[in-house]
Amino acid sequence: MDNDLGSFLVFRELTVRGLYPALERLGEAIQEHLPAHWRRDKAKEQENASMFGDRSLLVFERDGSGGLPASGVAMLTEGEKAEVINIVPLEKSQLSAQEYNAVLVELTKSAIQPAAVALGIKCELTDDQKPFTVWVSPAAGEALQRFSILANHGTGSAHPLDRERWFAFLLQCHRDRCELDTDMLRRWLMEQGGWTFERASDLVIEYEFGRGLLKFAEQNA
């Protein structure tokens, strides 16, 4: 059986690490490197400061240009680490993963990374792809793949033999403490397994119930 369970587009993460005196100057350093279509919003930083206690909030915004939507980027500094905690659209309801990542990469390359270099601190940007094995153990991944290949995609786990293979996957996830959430399972079923949205959604509901039941049974044994 093919052990390649596929890779998935994910939201990238940006972290800056360094000693506090340098991180304290990060906002000003980033502001110095901002391109013309970016600005720092100190008013929003002050408005929301009380929500974060001792942590320092940085807010940067770009206009809608260059093929990317108008967006706001929030960074939070705590101790010896600063990280982007959210990127939100300013003129539309939602950013796609591609748009989110593109905005983050633009700000990182144009301003955050140069600022980090100037301050002598480290800037880390994660990849935009993650293998499915990040969320499941090899044994659980193989069990899911076996179920998906052999199951009737029109009836999901209804057939007794398909149900056994599905239960084997659920049990393996429980035993291995897999951190597979319902959104990622649905994505795998549809993008890698070829399941329809309706059948994938049914299986996701069964997965969530099954994991919860197994956890309850273990805690109350």
Protein backbone atom coordinates (compact mmCIF):
# COMPACT_ATOMS: atom_id res chain seq x y z
CA MET A 1 0.00 0.00 0.00
CA ASP A 2 1.25 3.50 -0.89
CA ASN A 3 2.52 5.17 2.28
CA ASP A 4 2.38 8.67 0.78
CA LEU A 5 -0.60 10.25 2.50
CA GLY A 6 -0.16 13.58 0.78
CA SER A 7 0.70 17.13 1.83
CA PHE A 8 -1.65 20.03 2.51
CA LEU A 9 -1.61 23.78 2.12
CA VAL A 10 -1.59 25.36 5.58
CA PHE A 11 -1.42 28.85 7.04
CA ARG A 12 2.22 29.84 7.49
CA GLU A 13 3.49 30.99 10.88
CA LEU A 14 6.00 33.75 11.58
CA THR A 15 8.05 33.89 14.78
CA VAL A 16 10.82 36.31 15.78
CA ARG A 17 13.10 35.30 18.64
CA GLY A 18 15.66 37.35 20.54
CA LEU A 19 16.54 39.04 23.80
CA TYR A 20 13.96 41.42 25.22
CA PRO A 21 15.88 44.70 24.68
CA ALA A 22 15.98 43.94 20.95
CA LEU A 23 12.39 42.73 20.76
CA GLU A 24 11.27 45.90 22.53
CA ARG A 25 12.49 47.84 19.48
CA LEU A 26 10.95 45.45 16.94
CA GLY A 27 7.88 47.57 16.19
CA GLU A 28 9.91 50.68 15.39
CA ALA A 29 12.41 48.66 13.34
CA ILE A 30 9.64 47.06 11.25
CA GLN A 31 8.00 50.45 10.76
CA GLU A 32 11.24 51.85 9.32
CA HIS A 33 11.26 49.17 6.62
CA LEU A 34 7.58 49.23 5.63
CA PRO A 35 6.86 49.71 1.90
CA ALA A 36 4.66 52.63 0.86
CA HIS A 37 1.46 50.54 0.78
CA TRP A 38 1.98 49.37 4.38
CA ARG A 39 1.57 51.35 7.60
CA ARG A 40 1.73 50.77 11.32
CA ASP A 41 -1.53 51.37 13.20
CA LYS A 42 -0.47 52.56 16.65
CA ALA A 43 -4.02 53.64 17.46
CA LYS A 44 -5.26 50.05 17.24
CA GLU A 45 -2.30 48.89 19.28
CA GLN A 46 -3.26 51.25 22.08
CA GLU A 47 -6.99 50.47 21.81
CA ASN A 48 -6.39 46.76 22.27
CA ALA A 49 -3.42 46.90 24.65
CA SER A 50 -5.54 46.07 27.71
CA MET A 51 -6.58 42.73 26.18
CA PHE A 52 -3.04 41.37 26.27
CA GLY A 53 -1.71 42.41 29.67
CA ASP A 54 2.08 42.39 29.77
CA ARG A 55 2.31 41.27 26.15
CA SER A 56 2.96 43.93 23.52
CA LEU A 57 0.70 44.20 20.46
CA LEU A 58 1.91 45.38 17.05
CA VAL A 59 -0.52 46.11 14.21
CA PHE A 60 0.37 46.66 10.56
CA GLU A 61 -1.98 47.25 7.63
CA ARG A 62 -1.63 47.18 3.86
CA ASP A 63 -3.90 48.65 1.22
CA GLY A 64 -5.48 46.58 -1.51
CA SER A 65 -2.84 46.66 -4.23
CA GLY A 66 -0.42 44.45 -6.09
CA GLY A 67 -2.97 41.68 -6.47
CA LEU A 68 -3.45 41.26 -2.72
CA PRO A 69 -6.41 42.40 -0.61
CA ALA A 70 -6.29 45.09 2.06
CA SER A 71 -5.26 43.29 5.25
CA GLY A 72 -4.31 43.83 8.85
CA VAL A 73 -1.53 41.89 10.56
CA ALA A 74 -1.36 41.51 14.34
CA MET A 75 1.86 40.54 16.11
CA LEU A 76 2.24 39.78 19.80
CA THR A 77 5.47 40.08 21.76
CA GLU A 78 5.99 38.16 24.98
CA GLY A 79 9.31 37.57 26.69
CA GLU A 80 11.89 36.62 24.08
CA LYS A 81 9.41 35.82 21.31
CA ALA A 82 7.19 37.77 18.92
CA GLU A 83 4.76 36.06 16.56
CA VAL A 84 2.06 36.88 14.06
CA ILE A 85 -1.20 35.86 15.74
CA ASN A 86 -3.65 36.81 13.00
CA ILE A 87 -4.09 38.29 9.55
CA VAL A 88 -7.55 39.66 8.74
CA PRO A 89 -9.12 41.16 5.62
CA LEU A 90 -10.11 44.83 5.80
CA GLU A 91 -12.45 45.01 2.81
CA LYS A 92 -13.74 41.44 2.36
CA SER A 93 -15.14 38.72 4.61
CA GLN A 94 -12.34 36.16 4.50
CA LEU A 95 -8.80 35.54 3.26
CA SER A 96 -7.93 32.34 1.46
CA ALA A 97 -4.92 30.41 2.70
CA GLN A 98 -3.02 31.57 -0.39
CA GLU A 99 -3.86 35.23 0.29
CA TYR A 100 -3.05 34.92 3.99
CA ASN A 101 0.33 33.40 3.20
CA ALA A 102 1.10 35.91 0.46
CA VAL A 103 0.40 38.86 2.78
CA LEU A 104 2.56 37.31 5.50
CA VAL A 105 5.43 36.61 3.11
CA GLU A 106 5.30 40.15 1.70
CA LEU A 107 5.46 41.77 5.14
CA THR A 108 8.14 39.35 6.30
CA LYS A 109 10.46 39.84 3.34
CA SER A 110 9.97 43.59 3.01
CA ALA A 111 10.03 44.64 6.67
CA ILE A 112 10.12 42.00 9.43
CA GLN A 113 13.16 40.13 8.18
CA PRO A 114 15.24 43.29 7.53
CA ALA A 115 14.21 44.56 10.97
CA ALA A 116 15.29 41.31 12.59
CA VAL A 117 18.65 41.45 10.85
CA ALA A 118 19.17 45.04 11.98
CA LEU A 119 18.39 44.05 15.58
CA GLY A 120 20.49 40.88 15.49
CA ILE A 121 17.56 38.55 16.18
CA LYS A 122 16.15 35.48 14.43
CA CYS A 123 13.15 35.40 12.08
CA GLU A 124 11.46 32.04 11.41
CA LEU A 125 8.79 31.50 8.72
CA THR A 126 7.22 28.05 8.44
CA ASP A 127 6.51 26.31 5.14
CA ASP A 128 3.13 26.49 3.42
CA GLN A 129 2.88 22.71 3.06
CA LYS A 130 2.68 20.04 5.76
CA PRO A 131 2.58 16.26 5.29
CA PHE A 132 -0.50 14.48 6.62
CA THR A 133 1.80 12.54 8.96
CA VAL A 134 2.03 15.71 11.08
CA TRP A 135 -1.48 14.89 12.33
CA VAL A 136 -1.54 11.08 12.30
CA SER A 137 0.79 8.26 13.27
CA PRO A 138 2.09 5.99 10.47
CA ALA A 139 -0.17 3.17 11.70
CA ALA A 140 -3.26 5.39 11.81
CA GLY A 141 -2.45 6.82 8.41
CA GLU A 142 -2.15 3.34 6.93
CA ALA A 143 -5.45 2.33 8.54
CA LEU A 144 -7.20 5.38 7.07
CA GLN A 145 -5.72 4.74 3.65
CA ARG A 146 -6.78 1.09 3.77
CA PHE A 147 -10.33 2.05 4.69
CA SER A 148 -10.54 4.72 2.00
CA ILE A 149 -9.24 2.47 -0.78
CA LEU A 150 -11.43 -0.53 0.06
CA ALA A 151 -14.63 1.17 1.23
CA ASN A 152 -17.73 1.78 -0.86
CA HIS A 153 -17.62 5.57 -1.32
CA GLY A 154 -21.37 5.62 -1.78
CA THR A 155 -22.17 4.17 1.64
CA GLY A 156 -19.23 5.28 3.81
CA SER A 157 -18.81 2.98 6.80
CA ALA A 158 -22.23 1.30 6.47
CA HIS A 159 -21.01 -2.09 5.21
CA PRO A 160 -19.83 -4.39 8.04
CA LEU A 161 -16.37 -4.90 6.54
CA ASP A 162 -15.96 -1.17 5.86
CA ARG A 163 -17.13 -0.44 9.40
CA GLU A 164 -14.47 -2.76 10.82
CA ARG A 165 -11.74 -0.98 8.87
CA TRP A 166 -13.15 2.40 9.95
CA PHE A 167 -13.21 1.31 13.60
CA ALA A 168 -9.62 0.11 13.25
CA PHE A 169 -8.64 3.61 12.13
CA LEU A 170 -10.50 5.26 15.01
CA LEU A 171 -8.95 2.92 17.56
CA GLN A 172 -5.45 3.45 16.15
CA CYS A 173 -5.89 7.23 16.33
CA HIS A 174 -6.99 6.89 19.95
CA ARG A 175 -4.12 4.60 20.92
CA ASP A 176 -1.53 6.81 19.24
CA ARG A 177 -3.07 10.07 20.55
CA CYS A 178 -3.23 11.44 17.02
CA GLU A 179 -3.89 15.19 16.84
CA LEU A 180 -6.08 14.91 13.77
CA ASP A 181 -8.93 17.43 13.84
CA THR A 182 -12.15 17.17 11.88
CA ASP A 183 -11.25 19.84 9.32
CA MET A 184 -8.02 18.11 8.34
CA LEU A 185 -9.70 14.69 8.20
CA ARG A 186 -12.37 16.10 5.86
CA ARG A 187 -9.67 17.63 3.68
CA TRP A 188 -7.80 14.33 3.46
CA LEU A 189 -10.92 12.36 2.63
CA MET A 190 -11.87 14.76 -0.15
CA GLU A 191 -8.47 15.76 -1.54
CA GLN A 192 -6.61 12.47 -1.19
CA GLY A 193 -9.36 9.89 -0.80
CA GLY A 194 -11.72 11.21 -3.46
CA TRP A 195 -14.78 11.26 -1.17
CA THR A 196 -17.66 13.62 -1.80
CA PHE A 197 -18.29 16.45 0.65
CA GLU A 198 -21.45 14.76 1.93
CA ARG A 199 -19.86 11.37 2.62
CA ALA A 200 -16.69 12.98 4.03
CA SER A 201 -18.84 15.06 6.37
CA ASP A 202 -20.70 11.95 7.56
CA LEU A 203 -17.39 10.24 8.33
CA VAL A 204 -16.10 13.32 10.12
CA ILE A 205 -19.13 13.28 12.42
CA GLU A 206 -18.54 9.58 13.11
CA TYR A 207 -14.86 10.29 13.76
CA GLU A 208 -15.58 13.04 16.27
CA PHE A 209 -18.15 10.91 18.09
CA GLY A 210 -15.90 7.83 18.05
CA ARG A 211 -12.84 9.66 19.40
CA GLY A 212 -14.97 11.21 22.13
CA LEU A 213 -16.48 7.87 23.08
CA LEU A 214 -13.11 6.14 23.24
CA LYS A 215 -11.70 8.90 25.42
CA PHE A 216 -14.72 8.73 27.75
CA ALA A 217 -14.46 4.96 28.01
CA GLU A 218 -10.76 5.16 28.86
CA GLN A 219 -11.29 7.81 31.53
CA ASN A 220 -14.13 5.85 33.12
CA ALA A 221 -12.69 2.34 32.89
